[in-house]
PDB file of N, CA and C in Angstrom:
ATOM      1  N   MET A   1       0.888  -1.258  -0.087  1.00  0.00           N
ATOM      2  CA  MET A   1      -0.029  -0.110   0.055  1.00  0.00           C
ATOM      3  C   MET A   1       1.116   1.008   0.011  1.00  0.00           C
ATOM      4  N   THR A   2       2.044   1.271   0.518  1.00  0.00           N
ATOM      5  CA  THR A   2       3.076   2.289   0.690  1.00  0.00           C
ATOM      6  C   THR A   2       3.220   2.875  -0.916  1.00  0.00           C
ATOM      7  N   GLU A   3       3.628   1.813  -1.497  1.00  0.00           N
ATOM      8  CA  GLU A   3       3.995   2.230  -3.034  1.00  0.00           C
ATOM      9  C   GLU A   3       2.962   2.887  -3.767  1.00  0.00           C
ATOM     10  N   ALA A   4       1.538   2.578  -3.556  1.00  0.00           N
ATOM     11  CA  ALA A   4       0.550   3.187  -4.131  1.00  0.00           C
ATOM     12  C   ALA A   4       0.224   4.707  -3.481  1.00  0.00           C
ATOM     13  N   ASN A   5       0.369   4.782  -2.216  1.00  0.00           N
ATOM     14  CA  ASN A   5       0.456   6.003  -1.717  1.00  0.00           C
ATOM     15  C   ASN A   5       1.606   7.046  -2.207  1.00  0.00           C
ATOM     16  N   ASP A   6       2.657   6.443  -2.314  1.00  0.00           N
ATOM     17  CA  ASP A   6       3.943   7.001  -2.821  1.00  0.00           C
ATOM     18  C   ASP A   6       3.443   7.568  -4.144  1.00  0.00           C
ATOM     19  N   LEU A   7       3.260   6.754  -5.108  1.00  0.00           N
ATOM     20  CA  LEU A   7       2.739   7.169  -6.489  1.00  0.00           C
ATOM     21  C   LEU A   7       1.636   8.163  -6.526  1.00  0.00           C
ATOM     22  N   ILE A   8       0.607   7.884  -5.639  1.00  0.00           N
ATOM     23  CA  ILE A   8      -0.475   9.060  -5.668  1.00  0.00           C
ATOM     24  C   ILE A   8      -0.233  10.262  -5.312  1.00  0.00           C
ATOM     25  N   ASN A   9       0.576  10.585  -4.188  1.00  0.00           N
ATOM     26  CA  ASN A   9       1.479  11.610  -3.653  1.00  0.00           C
ATOM     27  C   ASN A   9       2.229  12.503  -4.827  1.00  0.00           C
ATOM     28  N   ALA A  10       2.867  11.558  -5.561  1.00  0.00           N
ATOM     29  CA  ALA A  10       3.612  12.174  -6.528  1.00  0.00           C
ATOM     30  C   ALA A  10       2.664  12.802  -7.707  1.00  0.00           C
ATOM     31  N   PHE A  11       1.776  11.916  -8.062  1.00  0.00           N
ATOM     32  CA  PHE A  11       1.036  12.575  -9.204  1.00  0.00           C
ATOM     33  C   PHE A  11       0.265  13.568  -8.641  1.00  0.00           C
ATOM     34  N   ARG A  12      -0.268  13.795  -7.305  1.00  0.00           N
ATOM     35  CA  ARG A  12      -1.043  14.781  -6.773  1.00  0.00           C
ATOM     36  C   ARG A  12      -0.211  15.955  -6.687  1.00  0.00           C
ATOM     37  N   LEU A  13       1.055  15.984  -6.550  1.00  0.00           N
ATOM     38  CA  LEU A  13       2.175  16.985  -6.432  1.00  0.00           C
ATOM     39  C   LEU A  13       2.069  17.690  -7.820  1.00  0.00           C
ATOM     40  N   GLU A  14       2.322  16.767  -9.038  1.00  0.00           N
ATOM     41  CA  GLU A  14       2.352  17.107 -10.227  1.00  0.00           C
ATOM     42  C   GLU A  14       0.993  17.860 -10.503  1.00  0.00           C
ATOM     43  N   LEU A  15      -0.138  17.281 -10.338  1.00  0.00           N
ATOM     44  CA  LEU A  15      -1.322  18.030 -10.544  1.00  0.00           C
ATOM     45  C   LEU A  15      -1.479  19.596 -10.122  1.00  0.00           C
ATOM     46  N   ARG A  16      -0.896  19.487  -8.818  1.00  0.00           N
ATOM     47  CA  ARG A  16      -0.731  20.780  -7.774  1.00  0.00           C
ATOM     48  C   ARG A  16       0.066  21.845  -8.536  1.00  0.00           C
ATOM     49  N   ARG A  17       1.184  21.364  -8.877  1.00  0.00           N
ATOM     50  CA  ARG A  17       2.172  22.300  -9.416  1.00  0.00           C
ATOM     51  C   ARG A  17       1.669  22.917 -10.745  1.00  0.00           C
ATOM     52  N   GLY A  18       0.772  22.077 -11.499  1.00  0.00           N
ATOM     53  CA  GLY A  18       0.445  22.705 -12.751  1.00  0.00           C
ATOM     54  C   GLY A  18      -0.877  23.623 -12.548  1.00  0.00           C
ATOM     55  N   VAL A  19      -1.591  23.794 -11.376  1.00  0.00           N
ATOM     56  CA  VAL A  19      -2.510  24.704 -11.116  1.00  0.00           C
ATOM     57  C   VAL A  19      -2.233  25.880 -10.394  1.00  0.00           C
ATOM     58  N   LEU A  20      -0.913  26.026  -9.668  1.00  0.00           N
ATOM     59  CA  LEU A  20      -0.791  27.035  -8.908  1.00  0.00           C
ATOM     60  C   LEU A  20      -0.480  28.335  -9.567  1.00  0.00           C
ATOM     61  N   VAL A  21       0.002  28.348 -10.819  1.00  0.00           N
ATOM     62  CA  VAL A  21       0.212  29.580 -11.719  1.00  0.00           C
ATOM     63  C   VAL A  21      -1.245  30.297 -11.981  1.00  0.00           C
ATOM     64  N   LEU A  22      -1.917  29.187 -12.428  1.00  0.00           N
ATOM     65  CA  LEU A  22      -3.357  29.868 -12.650  1.00  0.00           C
ATOM     66  C   LEU A  22      -3.942  30.263 -11.472  1.00  0.00           C
ATOM     67  N   ALA A  23      -4.103  29.522 -10.151  1.00  0.00           N
ATOM     68  CA  ALA A  23      -4.469  30.134  -8.862  1.00  0.00           C
ATOM     69  C   ALA A  23      -4.084  31.310  -8.479  1.00  0.00           C
ATOM     70  N   VAL A  24      -2.686  31.596  -8.830  1.00  0.00           N
ATOM     71  CA  VAL A  24      -2.273  32.802  -8.361  1.00  0.00           C
ATOM     72  C   VAL A  24      -2.669  33.872  -8.994  1.00  0.00           C
ATOM     73  N   LEU A  25      -2.281  33.659 -10.479  1.00  0.00           N
ATOM     74  CA  LEU A  25      -3.072  34.775 -11.269  1.00  0.00           C
ATOM     75  C   LEU A  25      -4.326  35.051 -11.074  1.00  0.00           C
ATOM     76  N   SER A  26      -5.070  34.244 -10.709  1.00  0.00           N
ATOM     77  CA  SER A  26      -6.615  34.493 -10.670  1.00  0.00           C
ATOM     78  C   SER A  26      -6.912  35.438  -9.465  1.00  0.00           C
ATOM     79  N   GLN A  27      -5.943  35.467  -8.447  1.00  0.00           N
ATOM     80  CA  GLN A  27      -6.128  36.128  -7.244  1.00  0.00           C
ATOM     81  C   GLN A  27      -5.604  37.685  -7.250  1.00  0.00           C
ATOM     82  N   MET A  28      -4.861  37.940  -8.330  1.00  0.00           N
ATOM     83  CA  MET A  28      -4.297  39.047  -8.289  1.00  0.00           C
ATOM     84  C   MET A  28      -4.706  40.278  -8.769  1.00  0.00           C
ATOM     85  N   ASP A  29      -6.121  40.461  -9.222  1.00  0.00           N
ATOM     86  CA  ASP A  29      -6.685  41.743  -9.392  1.00  0.00           C
ATOM     87  C   ASP A  29      -6.607  42.930  -8.436  1.00  0.00           C
ATOM     88  N   THR A  30      -6.413  42.469  -7.201  1.00  0.00           N
ATOM     89  CA  THR A  30      -6.278  43.329  -6.123  1.00  0.00           C
ATOM     90  C   THR A  30      -4.915  43.201  -5.614  1.00  0.00           C
ATOM     91  N   ALA A  31      -4.023  44.324  -5.148  1.00  0.00           N
ATOM     92  CA  ALA A  31      -2.729  43.892  -4.877  1.00  0.00           C
ATOM     93  C   ALA A  31      -2.642  43.068  -3.835  1.00  0.00           C
ATOM     94  N   ARG A  32      -1.691  42.141  -3.663  1.00  0.00           N
ATOM     95  CA  ARG A  32      -1.602  41.144  -2.531  1.00  0.00           C
ATOM     96  C   ARG A  32      -0.306  41.014  -2.009  1.00  0.00           C
ATOM     97  N   TYR A  33       0.066  40.689  -0.919  1.00  0.00           N
ATOM     98  CA  TYR A  33       1.243  40.241  -0.420  1.00  0.00           C
ATOM     99  C   TYR A  33       1.143  38.887  -0.015  1.00  0.00           C
ATOM    100  N   GLY A  34       2.530  38.069  -0.112  1.00  0.00           N
ATOM    101  CA  GLY A  34       2.593  36.670   0.020  1.00  0.00           C
ATOM    102  C   GLY A  34       1.553  36.103   1.055  1.00  0.00           C
ATOM    103  N   TYR A  35       1.804  36.753   2.381  1.00  0.00           N
ATOM    104  CA  TYR A  35       1.192  35.861   3.480  1.00  0.00           C
ATOM    105  C   TYR A  35      -0.355  36.129   3.333  1.00  0.00           C
ATOM    106  N   ASN A  36      -0.675  37.020   2.715  1.00  0.00           N
ATOM    107  CA  ASN A  36      -2.089  37.252   2.398  1.00  0.00           C
ATOM    108  C   ASN A  36      -2.852  36.168   1.516  1.00  0.00           C
ATOM    109  N   LEU A  37      -1.818  35.788   0.505  1.00  0.00           N
ATOM    110  CA  LEU A  37      -2.333  34.766  -0.453  1.00  0.00           C
ATOM    111  C   LEU A  37      -2.040  33.430   0.180  1.00  0.00           C
ATOM    112  N   ILE A  38      -1.157  33.285   0.915  1.00  0.00           N
ATOM    113  CA  ILE A  38      -1.203  31.892   1.683  1.00  0.00           C
ATOM    114  C   ILE A  38      -2.531  31.684   2.654  1.00  0.00           C
ATOM    115  N   GLN A  39      -2.851  32.862   3.382  1.00  0.00           N
ATOM    116  CA  GLN A  39      -4.133  32.833   4.090  1.00  0.00           C
ATOM    117  C   GLN A  39      -5.383  32.346   3.154  1.00  0.00           C
ATOM    118  N   ARG A  40      -5.290  33.167   2.016  1.00  0.00           N
ATOM    119  CA  ARG A  40      -6.699  33.062   1.183  1.00  0.00           C
ATOM    120  C   ARG A  40      -6.717  31.732   0.603  1.00  0.00           C
ATOM    121  N   PHE A  41      -5.543  31.098  -0.141  1.00  0.00           N
ATOM    122  CA  PHE A  41      -5.608  29.799  -0.424  1.00  0.00           C
ATOM    123  C   PHE A  41      -6.040  28.780   0.626  1.00  0.00           C
ATOM    124  N   ALA A  42      -5.410  28.924   1.852  1.00  0.00           N
ATOM    125  CA  ALA A  42      -5.756  28.125   3.006  1.00  0.00           C
ATOM    126  C   ALA A  42      -7.276  27.888   3.273  1.00  0.00           C
ATOM    127  N   GLU A  43      -8.010  29.129   3.050  1.00  0.00           N
ATOM    128  CA  GLU A  43      -9.267  29.287   3.519  1.00  0.00           C
ATOM    129  C   GLU A  43      -9.871  28.575   2.268  1.00  0.00           C
ATOM    130  N   GLN A  44      -9.582  28.614   1.240  1.00  0.00           N
ATOM    131  CA  GLN A  44     -10.351  28.052  -0.013  1.00  0.00           C
ATOM    132  C   GLN A  44     -10.060  26.478  -0.150  1.00  0.00           C
ATOM    133  N   GLY A  45      -9.119  25.981   0.616  1.00  0.00           N
ATOM    134  CA  GLY A  45      -8.854  24.450   0.364  1.00  0.00           C
ATOM    135  C   GLY A  45      -7.602  24.399  -0.490  1.00  0.00           C
ATOM    136  N   LEU A  46      -6.704  25.278  -0.550  1.00  0.00           N
ATOM    137  CA  LEU A  46      -5.629  25.068  -1.399  1.00  0.00           C
ATOM    138  C   LEU A  46      -4.374  25.560  -0.533  1.00  0.00           C
ATOM    139  N   PRO A  47      -4.044  24.662   0.409  1.00  0.00           N
ATOM    140  CA  PRO A  47      -2.862  25.295   1.182  1.00  0.00           C
ATOM    141  C   PRO A  47      -1.502  25.337   0.467  1.00  0.00           C
ATOM    142  N   ILE A  48      -0.819  26.362   0.494  1.00  0.00           N
ATOM    143  CA  ILE A  48       0.470  26.550  -0.377  1.00  0.00           C
ATOM    144  C   ILE A  48       1.526  26.986   0.857  1.00  0.00           C
ATOM    145  N   GLU A  49       2.715  26.361   0.701  1.00  0.00           N
ATOM    146  CA  GLU A  49       3.834  26.871   1.928  1.00  0.00           C
ATOM    147  C   GLU A  49       4.578  27.925   1.271  1.00  0.00           C
ATOM    148  N   GLU A  50       5.305  28.527   2.057  1.00  0.00           N
ATOM    149  CA  GLU A  50       5.845  29.892   1.983  1.00  0.00           C
ATOM    150  C   GLU A  50       7.108  29.481   0.927  1.00  0.00           C
ATOM    151  N   GLY A  51       7.606  28.368   1.318  1.00  0.00           N
ATOM    152  CA  GLY A  51       9.001  28.041   0.399  1.00  0.00           C
ATOM    153  C   GLY A  51       8.486  27.611  -1.255  1.00  0.00           C
ATOM    154  N   THR A  52       7.077  27.644  -1.472  1.00  0.00           N
ATOM    155  CA  THR A  52       6.559  27.380  -2.696  1.00  0.00           C
ATOM    156  C   THR A  52       5.944  28.662  -3.592  1.00  0.00           C
ATOM    157  N   LEU A  53       5.179  29.576  -2.602  1.00  0.00           N
ATOM    158  CA  LEU A  53       4.756  30.571  -3.081  1.00  0.00           C
ATOM    159  C   LEU A  53       5.541  31.809  -3.330  1.00  0.00           C
ATOM    160  N   TYR A  54       6.606  32.064  -2.527  1.00  0.00           N
ATOM    161  CA  TYR A  54       7.549  33.342  -2.830  1.00  0.00           C
ATOM    162  C   TYR A  54       8.489  33.108  -4.048  1.00  0.00           C
ATOM    163  N   PRO A  55       9.116  31.946  -4.188  1.00  0.00           N
ATOM    164  CA  PRO A  55       9.702  31.757  -5.548  1.00  0.00           C
ATOM    165  C   PRO A  55       8.903  32.026  -6.890  1.00  0.00           C
ATOM    166  N   LEU A  56       7.501  31.330  -6.707  1.00  0.00           N
ATOM    167  CA  LEU A  56       6.380  31.449  -7.693  1.00  0.00           C
ATOM    168  C   LEU A  56       6.305  32.815  -8.018  1.00  0.00           C
ATOM    169  N   LEU A  57       6.071  33.899  -6.789  1.00  0.00           N
ATOM    170  CA  LEU A  57       5.787  35.196  -7.223  1.00  0.00           C
ATOM    171  C   LEU A  57       6.819  35.931  -7.929  1.00  0.00           C
ATOM    172  N   ARG A  58       8.010  35.500  -7.164  1.00  0.00           N
ATOM    173  CA  ARG A  58       9.395  36.180  -7.832  1.00  0.00           C
ATOM    174  C   ARG A  58       9.335  35.603  -9.490  1.00  0.00           C
ATOM    175  N   ARG A  59       9.297  34.336  -9.593  1.00  0.00           N
ATOM    176  CA  ARG A  59       9.371  33.863 -11.277  1.00  0.00           C
ATOM    177  C   ARG A  59       8.185  34.697 -12.144  1.00  0.00           C
ATOM    178  N   LEU A  60       7.080  34.735 -11.713  1.00  0.00           N
ATOM    179  CA  LEU A  60       5.828  35.423 -12.368  1.00  0.00           C
ATOM    180  C   LEU A  60       6.299  36.897 -12.382  1.00  0.00           C
ATOM    181  N   GLU A  61       7.000  37.351 -11.519  1.00  0.00           N
ATOM    182  CA  GLU A  61       7.217  38.788 -11.786  1.00  0.00           C
ATOM    183  C   GLU A  61       8.367  39.169 -12.841  1.00  0.00           C
ATOM    184  N   LYS A  62       9.327  38.191 -12.755  1.00  0.00           N
ATOM    185  CA  LYS A  62      10.500  38.256 -13.713  1.00  0.00           C
ATOM    186  C   LYS A  62       9.821  37.978 -15.163  1.00  0.00           C
ATOM    187  N   GLN A  63       8.888  37.216 -15.214  1.00  0.00           N
ATOM    188  CA  GLN A  63       8.221  36.909 -16.484  1.00  0.00           C
ATOM    189  C   GLN A  63       7.269  37.876 -17.122  1.00  0.00           C
ATOM    190  N   GLY A  64       7.333  38.866 -16.002  1.00  0.00           N
ATOM    191  CA  GLY A  64       6.216  40.008 -16.585  1.00  0.00           C
ATOM    192  C   GLY A  64       4.772  39.778 -16.348  1.00  0.00           C
ATOM    193  N   LEU A  65       4.182  38.862 -15.584  1.00  0.00           N
ATOM    194  CA  LEU A  65       2.988  38.427 -15.212  1.00  0.00           C
ATOM    195  C   LEU A  65       2.589  39.141 -14.199  1.00  0.00           C
ATOM    196  N   LEU A  66       3.261  39.477 -13.181  1.00  0.00           N
ATOM    197  CA  LEU A  66       2.948  40.261 -12.248  1.00  0.00           C
ATOM    198  C   LEU A  66       3.742  41.629 -12.030  1.00  0.00           C
ATOM    199  N   GLU A  67       3.386  42.727 -11.212  1.00  0.00           N
ATOM    200  CA  GLU A  67       4.031  43.709 -11.180  1.00  0.00           C
ATOM    201  C   GLU A  67       4.217  44.029  -9.448  1.00  0.00           C
ATOM    202  N   SER A  68       4.962  44.555  -9.063  1.00  0.00           N
ATOM    203  CA  SER A  68       5.155  44.612  -7.494  1.00  0.00           C
ATOM    204  C   SER A  68       5.321  46.168  -7.177  1.00  0.00           C
ATOM    205  N   VAL A  69       5.155  46.290  -6.008  1.00  0.00           N
ATOM    206  CA  VAL A  69       5.501  47.641  -5.156  1.00  0.00           C
ATOM    207  C   VAL A  69       5.649  47.346  -3.766  1.00  0.00           C
ATOM    208  N   TRP A  70       6.742  47.993  -3.430  1.00  0.00           N
ATOM    209  CA  TRP A  70       7.029  47.963  -1.663  1.00  0.00           C
ATOM    210  C   TRP A  70       6.122  48.745  -0.860  1.00  0.00           C
ATOM    211  N   GLU A  71       5.223  48.506   0.117  1.00  0.00           N
ATOM    212  CA  GLU A  71       4.838  49.042   0.866  1.00  0.00           C
ATOM    213  C   GLU A  71       5.481  49.186   2.450  1.00  0.00           C
ATOM    214  N   VAL A  72       5.766  50.543   2.781  1.00  0.00           N
ATOM    215  CA  VAL A  72       6.666  50.534   3.839  1.00  0.00           C
ATOM    216  C   VAL A  72       6.044  51.579   4.865  1.00  0.00           C
ATOM    217  N   THR A  73       4.704  51.724   4.805  1.00  0.00           N
ATOM    218  CA  THR A  73       4.174  52.403   5.757  1.00  0.00           C
ATOM    219  C   THR A  73       3.618  51.885   6.986  1.00  0.00           C
ATOM    220  N   GLU A  74       3.542  50.484   6.904  1.00  0.00           N
ATOM    221  CA  GLU A  74       3.319  49.597   8.206  1.00  0.00           C
ATOM    222  C   GLU A  74       4.472  49.275   8.963  1.00  0.00           C
ATOM    223  N   THR A  75       4.410  48.559  10.015  1.00  0.00           N
ATOM    224  CA  THR A  75       5.559  48.150  10.796  1.00  0.00           C
ATOM    225  C   THR A  75       6.667  47.743  10.083  1.00  0.00           C
ATOM    226  N   ARG A  76       6.401  46.811   9.411  1.00  0.00           N
ATOM    227  CA  ARG A  76       7.372  46.178   8.382  1.00  0.00           C
ATOM    228  C   ARG A  76       6.997  46.285   6.970  1.00  0.00           C
ATOM    229  N   PRO A  77       8.085  46.518   6.026  1.00  0.00           N
ATOM    230  CA  PRO A  77       7.831  46.772   4.701  1.00  0.00           C
ATOM    231  C   PRO A  77       7.094  45.296   4.037  1.00  0.00           C
ATOM    232  N   ARG A  78       6.160  45.547   3.050  1.00  0.00           N
ATOM    233  CA  ARG A  78       5.406  44.474   2.504  1.00  0.00           C
ATOM    234  C   ARG A  78       5.635  44.366   0.968  1.00  0.00           C
ATOM    235  N   LYS A  79       5.925  43.285   0.357  1.00  0.00           N
ATOM    236  CA  LYS A  79       6.076  43.493  -1.287  1.00  0.00           C
ATOM    237  C   LYS A  79       4.595  43.079  -1.769  1.00  0.00           C
ATOM    238  N   TYR A  80       3.851  44.174  -2.282  1.00  0.00           N
ATOM    239  CA  TYR A  80       2.681  43.864  -2.915  1.00  0.00           C
ATOM    240  C   TYR A  80       2.701  43.455  -4.371  1.00  0.00           C
ATOM    241  N   TYR A  81       1.902  42.431  -4.934  1.00  0.00           N
ATOM    242  CA  TYR A  81       1.953  42.095  -6.279  1.00  0.00           C
ATOM    243  C   TYR A  81       0.563  42.250  -6.805  1.00  0.00           C
ATOM    244  N   ARG A  82       0.523  42.521  -8.072  1.00  0.00           N
ATOM    245  CA  ARG A  82      -0.721  42.770  -8.839  1.00  0.00           C
ATOM    246  C   ARG A  82      -0.503  42.177 -10.325  1.00  0.00           C
ATOM    247  N   ILE A  83      -1.568  41.805 -10.751  1.00  0.00           N
ATOM    248  CA  ILE A  83      -1.426  41.222 -12.180  1.00  0.00           C
ATOM    249  C   ILE A  83      -1.000  42.359 -13.381  1.00  0.00           C
ATOM    250  N   SER A  84      -0.284  41.848 -14.219  1.00  0.00           N
ATOM    251  CA  SER A  84      -0.032  42.958 -14.942  1.00  0.00           C
ATOM    252  C   SER A  84      -0.739  42.732 -16.525  1.00  0.00           C
ATOM    253  N   PRO A  85      -0.723  43.601 -17.669  1.00  0.00           N
ATOM    254  CA  PRO A  85      -1.532  43.535 -18.531  1.00  0.00           C
ATOM    255  C   PRO A  85      -1.062  42.092 -19.395  1.00  0.00           C
ATOM    256  N   LEU A  86       0.068  41.777 -19.435  1.00  0.00           N
ATOM    257  CA  LEU A  86       0.611  40.641 -19.793  1.00  0.00           C
ATOM    258  C   LEU A  86       0.050  39.373 -19.048  1.00  0.00           C
ATOM    259  N   GLY A  87       0.157  39.432 -17.755  1.00  0.00           N
ATOM    260  CA  GLY A  87      -0.501  38.618 -16.824  1.00  0.00           C
ATOM    261  C   GLY A  87      -2.235  38.160 -17.146  1.00  0.00           C
ATOM    262  N   ARG A  88      -2.867  39.272 -17.223  1.00  0.00           N
ATOM    263  CA  ARG A  88      -4.057  39.183 -17.622  1.00  0.00           C
ATOM    264  C   ARG A  88      -4.334  38.248 -18.809  1.00  0.00           C
ATOM    265  N   GLU A  89      -3.585  38.789 -19.697  1.00  0.00           N
ATOM    266  CA  GLU A  89      -3.721  37.822 -21.130  1.00  0.00           C
ATOM    267  C   GLU A  89      -3.435  36.555 -21.035  1.00  0.00           C
ATOM    268  N   VAL A  90      -2.406  36.256 -20.248  1.00  0.00           N
ATOM    269  CA  VAL A  90      -1.803  34.841 -19.886  1.00  0.00           C
ATOM    270  C   VAL A  90      -3.049  34.241 -19.066  1.00  0.00           C
ATOM    271  N   LEU A  91      -3.619  34.971 -18.052  1.00  0.00           N
ATOM    272  CA  LEU A  91      -4.724  34.219 -17.293  1.00  0.00           C
ATOM    273  C   LEU A  91      -5.849  33.987 -17.960  1.00  0.00           C
ATOM    274  N   ASN A  92      -6.138  34.801 -19.072  1.00  0.00           N
ATOM    275  CA  ASN A  92      -7.529  34.481 -19.815  1.00  0.00           C
ATOM    276  C   ASN A  92      -7.311  33.058 -20.402  1.00  0.00           C
ATOM    277  N   SER A  93      -5.889  32.960 -21.144  1.00  0.00           N
ATOM    278  CA  SER A  93      -5.754  31.745 -21.955  1.00  0.00           C
ATOM    279  C   SER A  93      -5.720  30.690 -21.038  1.00  0.00           C
ATOM    280  N   LEU A  94      -4.928  30.777 -20.037  1.00  0.00           N
ATOM    281  CA  LEU A  94      -4.878  29.468 -19.138  1.00  0.00           C
ATOM    282  C   LEU A  94      -6.327  29.283 -18.686  1.00  0.00           C
ATOM    283  N   LYS A  95      -6.919  30.241 -18.223  1.00  0.00           N
ATOM    284  CA  LYS A  95      -8.482  29.707 -17.705  1.00  0.00           C
ATOM    285  C   LYS A  95      -9.252  28.963 -18.753  1.00  0.00           C
ATOM    286  N   ALA A  96      -9.331  29.657 -19.798  1.00  0.00           N
ATOM    287  CA  ALA A  96      -9.830  28.898 -20.772  1.00  0.00           C
ATOM    288  C   ALA A  96      -9.370  27.472 -21.191  1.00  0.00           C
ATOM    289  N   GLU A  97      -8.355  27.415 -21.447  1.00  0.00           N
ATOM    290  CA  GLU A  97      -7.596  26.025 -21.285  1.00  0.00           C
ATOM    291  C   GLU A  97      -7.931  25.163 -20.256  1.00  0.00           C
ATOM    292  N   TRP A  98      -7.806  25.768 -19.071  1.00  0.00           N
ATOM    293  CA  TRP A  98      -8.267  24.782 -17.932  1.00  0.00           C
ATOM    294  C   TRP A  98      -9.611  24.290 -17.916  1.00  0.00           C
ATOM    295  N   LEU A  99     -10.488  25.183 -18.089  1.00  0.00           N
ATOM    296  CA  LEU A  99     -12.050  24.885 -18.360  1.00  0.00           C
ATOM    297  C   LEU A  99     -12.428  23.887 -19.295  1.00  0.00           C
ATOM    298  N   GLU A 100     -11.679  24.002 -20.550  1.00  0.00           N
ATOM    299  CA  GLU A 100     -11.877  22.916 -21.674  1.00  0.00           C
ATOM    300  C   GLU A 100     -11.260  21.672 -21.263  1.00  0.00           C
ATOM    301  N   THR A 101     -10.014  21.579 -20.405  1.00  0.00           N
ATOM    302  CA  THR A 101      -9.386  20.495 -19.944  1.00  0.00           C
ATOM    303  C   THR A 101     -10.423  19.860 -19.155  1.00  0.00           C
ATOM    304  N   VAL A 102     -10.984  20.719 -18.048  1.00  0.00           N
ATOM    305  CA  VAL A 102     -11.739  19.923 -17.097  1.00  0.00           C
ATOM    306  C   VAL A 102     -13.075  19.237 -17.849  1.00  0.00           C
ATOM    307  N   GLU A 103     -13.555  19.872 -18.757  1.00  0.00           N
ATOM    308  CA  GLU A 103     -14.981  19.240 -19.447  1.00  0.00           C
ATOM    309  C   GLU A 103     -14.293  17.978 -20.259  1.00  0.00           C
ATOM    310  N   ILE A 104     -13.276  18.016 -20.722  1.00  0.00           N
ATOM    311  CA  ILE A 104     -12.683  16.743 -21.378  1.00  0.00           C
ATOM    312  C   ILE A 104     -12.509  15.638 -20.511  1.00  0.00           C
ATOM    313  N   MET A 105     -11.888  16.048 -19.449  1.00  0.00           N
ATOM    314  CA  MET A 105     -11.724  14.951 -18.459  1.00  0.00           C
ATOM    315  C   MET A 105     -12.926  14.418 -17.716  1.00  0.00           C
ATOM    316  N   ARG A 106     -14.050  15.323 -17.621  1.00  0.00           N
ATOM    317  CA  ARG A 106     -15.215  14.890 -17.182  1.00  0.00           C
ATOM    318  C   ARG A 106     -15.661  13.732 -17.876  1.00  0.00           C
ATOM    319  N   GLY A 107     -15.735  13.829 -19.539  1.00  0.00           N
ATOM    320  CA  GLY A 107     -16.081  12.999 -20.455  1.00  0.00           C
ATOM    321  C   GLY A 107     -15.237  11.920 -20.247  1.00  0.00           C
ATOM    322  N   ILE A 108     -14.096  11.846 -20.273  1.00  0.00           N
ATOM    323  CA  ILE A 108     -13.046  10.830 -20.260  1.00  0.00           C
ATOM    324  C   ILE A 108     -13.328   9.805 -18.804  1.00  0.00           C
ATOM    325  N   LEU A 109     -13.452  10.622 -17.681  1.00  0.00           N
ATOM    326  CA  LEU A 109     -13.693   9.893 -16.604  1.00  0.00           C
ATOM    327  C   LEU A 109     -15.242   9.347 -16.207  1.00  0.00           C
ATOM    328  N   GLY A 110     -15.857   9.619 -17.397  1.00  0.00           N
ATOM    329  CA  GLY A 110     -17.031   8.989 -16.978  1.00  0.00           C
ATOM    330  C   GLY A 110     -18.298  10.094 -16.308  1.00  0.00           C
ATOM    331  N   GLY A 111     -17.851  11.427 -16.042  1.00  0.00           N
ATOM    332  CA  GLY A 111     -18.799  12.269 -15.405  1.00  0.00           C
ATOM    333  C   GLY A 111     -20.070  12.816 -16.249  1.00  0.00           C
ATOM    334  N   GLU A 112     -19.930  12.569 -17.541  1.00  0.00           N
ATOM    335  CA  GLU A 112     -21.048  13.173 -18.549  1.00  0.00           C
ATOM    336  C   GLU A 112     -21.568  11.905 -19.067  1.00  0.00           C
TER     337      GLU A 112
END
């Protein structure tokens, strides 16, 4: 049973990695900082660790999909991220692709 669990966990991780970019971009209409995203995803049933989220945010910013600004008015500085115009374009394409894939998989898995 351990071998099956190991395989399931590995496949689950692959699926999860594939949706994190879509999940993050979908939440960035409003400027958000990392910890806020961690809390938001946990509340919605998609827990994400800091060690996963922060590198992802930096990568998306480097790719031009997110823009950032430092807020220094609070007790400690926070970097806020917001979706860029390119990010919006990519999000719209990924969202359409995701919804189409979900429909196809429903048919394949016998949901329709």
